[in-house]
Amino acid sequence: MLYDQCACDGGDCPLRARCLRYRGERHGRQDFFGAPPFDPASGECEHFADVAALDPTDEQIRTRAYYLWLAAGKPEGRADEHWLEARRALEATRDRALRVIDR
């Protein structure tokens, strides 16, 4: 979600599929760059914000899995199941914060 970050319309930028400034769902008022800040000569964008930063960390997954385990009554032998369920839930939350794009 973009609240106080300058957004980008993407244009022909090759990084747009991985850039939060393009992919982030916009809420409320939003400022945009006048033109995509991608520099074709260097192949870089000084304002690139990688969507990978929204990927769930092991710590976030561990915490979510722990609460799933508690909610399930602390069963033995289901750690992998809780880990995968926690990861899927966190990834779904991330995906809802990103706009779907045409590739």
Protein backbone atom coordinates (compact mmCIF):
# COMPACT_ATOMS: atom_id res chain seq x y z
CA MET A 1 0.00 0.00 0.00
CA LEU A 2 1.22 3.44 -0.84
CA TYR A 3 0.35 6.17 1.62
CA ASP A 4 3.22 8.63 1.64
CA GLN A 5 5.44 7.36 -1.13
CA CYS A 6 5.65 8.95 -4.56
CA ALA A 7 4.08 6.58 -7.10
CA CYS A 8 5.19 5.86 -10.64
CA ASP A 9 3.01 5.23 -13.68
CA GLY A 10 5.59 2.72 -14.92
CA GLY A 11 5.67 3.82 -18.54
CA ASP A 12 8.03 1.54 -20.43
CA CYS A 13 10.20 0.89 -17.38
CA PRO A 14 11.51 -2.70 -17.38
CA LEU A 15 11.58 -2.69 -13.55
CA ARG A 16 7.89 -1.86 -13.06
CA ALA A 17 6.78 -5.47 -12.42
CA ARG A 18 9.11 -5.55 -9.39
CA CYS A 19 8.66 -1.96 -8.22
CA LEU A 20 6.44 -1.10 -5.28
CA ARG A 21 6.05 2.48 -6.55
CA TYR A 22 4.22 1.02 -9.56
CA ARG A 23 2.66 -2.13 -8.08
CA GLY A 24 1.51 -0.81 -4.70
CA GLU A 25 -2.23 -0.30 -4.21
CA ARG A 26 -2.87 3.40 -3.85
CA HIS A 27 -5.00 4.81 -1.06
CA GLY A 28 -6.08 8.38 -0.61
CA ARG A 29 -4.20 11.20 -2.33
CA GLN A 30 -1.14 10.18 -4.25
CA ASP A 31 1.71 12.07 -5.89
CA PHE A 32 3.33 10.72 -9.06
CA PHE A 33 6.65 11.32 -10.76
CA GLY A 34 6.23 13.55 -13.81
CA ALA A 35 7.96 10.86 -15.87
CA PRO A 36 9.22 7.41 -14.85
CA PRO A 37 12.62 7.97 -13.17
CA PHE A 38 14.20 4.93 -14.87
CA ASP A 39 17.48 5.78 -16.62
CA PRO A 40 17.85 3.64 -19.76
CA ALA A 41 21.54 4.54 -20.09
CA SER A 42 22.44 3.00 -16.72
CA GLY A 43 19.55 0.52 -16.56
CA GLU A 44 18.79 1.73 -13.04
CA CYS A 45 16.19 3.73 -11.18
CA GLU A 46 17.27 5.73 -8.16
CA HIS A 47 13.71 5.48 -6.77
CA PHE A 48 13.25 1.72 -7.26
CA ALA A 49 11.44 0.10 -4.31
CA ASP A 50 11.60 -3.69 -4.64
CA VAL A 51 8.34 -5.53 -3.90
CA ALA A 52 10.53 -8.28 -2.42
CA ALA A 53 10.72 -6.07 0.67
CA LEU A 54 7.11 -7.14 1.32
CA ASP A 55 7.96 -10.86 1.33
CA PRO A 56 7.30 -12.39 4.74
CA THR A 57 10.38 -12.93 6.86
CA ASP A 58 11.11 -16.14 8.72
CA GLU A 59 10.38 -14.31 11.97
CA GLN A 60 6.95 -13.20 10.75
CA ILE A 61 6.16 -16.72 9.56
CA ARG A 62 7.40 -18.23 12.83
CA THR A 63 5.21 -15.88 14.87
CA ARG A 64 2.11 -16.53 12.74
CA ALA A 65 2.76 -20.30 12.85
CA TYR A 66 3.08 -20.16 16.63
CA TYR A 67 -0.34 -18.52 16.97
CA LEU A 68 -1.85 -21.03 14.55
CA TRP A 69 -0.37 -23.82 16.68
CA LEU A 70 -1.86 -22.27 19.83
CA ALA A 71 -5.26 -21.86 18.17
CA ALA A 72 -5.17 -25.50 17.08
CA GLY A 73 -4.68 -26.62 20.69
CA LYS A 74 -0.88 -27.16 20.61
CA PRO A 75 -0.92 -30.40 18.59
CA GLU A 76 2.31 -32.37 18.16
CA GLY A 77 3.76 -33.16 14.75
CA ARG A 78 2.07 -30.43 12.71
CA ALA A 79 4.84 -27.81 12.68
CA ASP A 80 5.33 -28.00 8.91
CA GLU A 81 1.60 -27.64 8.32
CA HIS A 82 1.41 -24.55 10.54
CA TRP A 83 4.53 -23.06 8.89
CA LEU A 84 3.09 -23.47 5.39
CA GLU A 85 -0.30 -22.13 6.42
CA ALA A 86 1.34 -19.11 8.06
CA ARG A 87 3.48 -18.42 4.98
CA ARG A 88 0.47 -18.68 2.65
CA ALA A 89 -1.54 -16.27 4.81
CA LEU A 90 1.26 -13.71 4.91
CA GLU A 91 1.87 -14.00 1.17
CA ALA A 92 -1.85 -13.51 0.54
CA THR A 93 -1.74 -10.33 2.63
CA ARG A 94 1.24 -9.12 0.59
CA ASP A 95 -0.50 -9.95 -2.69
CA ARG A 96 -3.59 -7.95 -1.69
CA ALA A 97 -1.32 -4.92 -1.23
CA LEU A 98 -0.05 -5.17 -4.83
CA ARG A 99 -1.83 -4.25 -8.02
CA VAL A 100 -2.13 -7.01 -10.60
CA ILE A 101 -0.23 -6.09 -13.75
CA ASP A 102 -0.14 -7.29 -17.31
CA ARG A 103 3.22 -8.87 -17.96
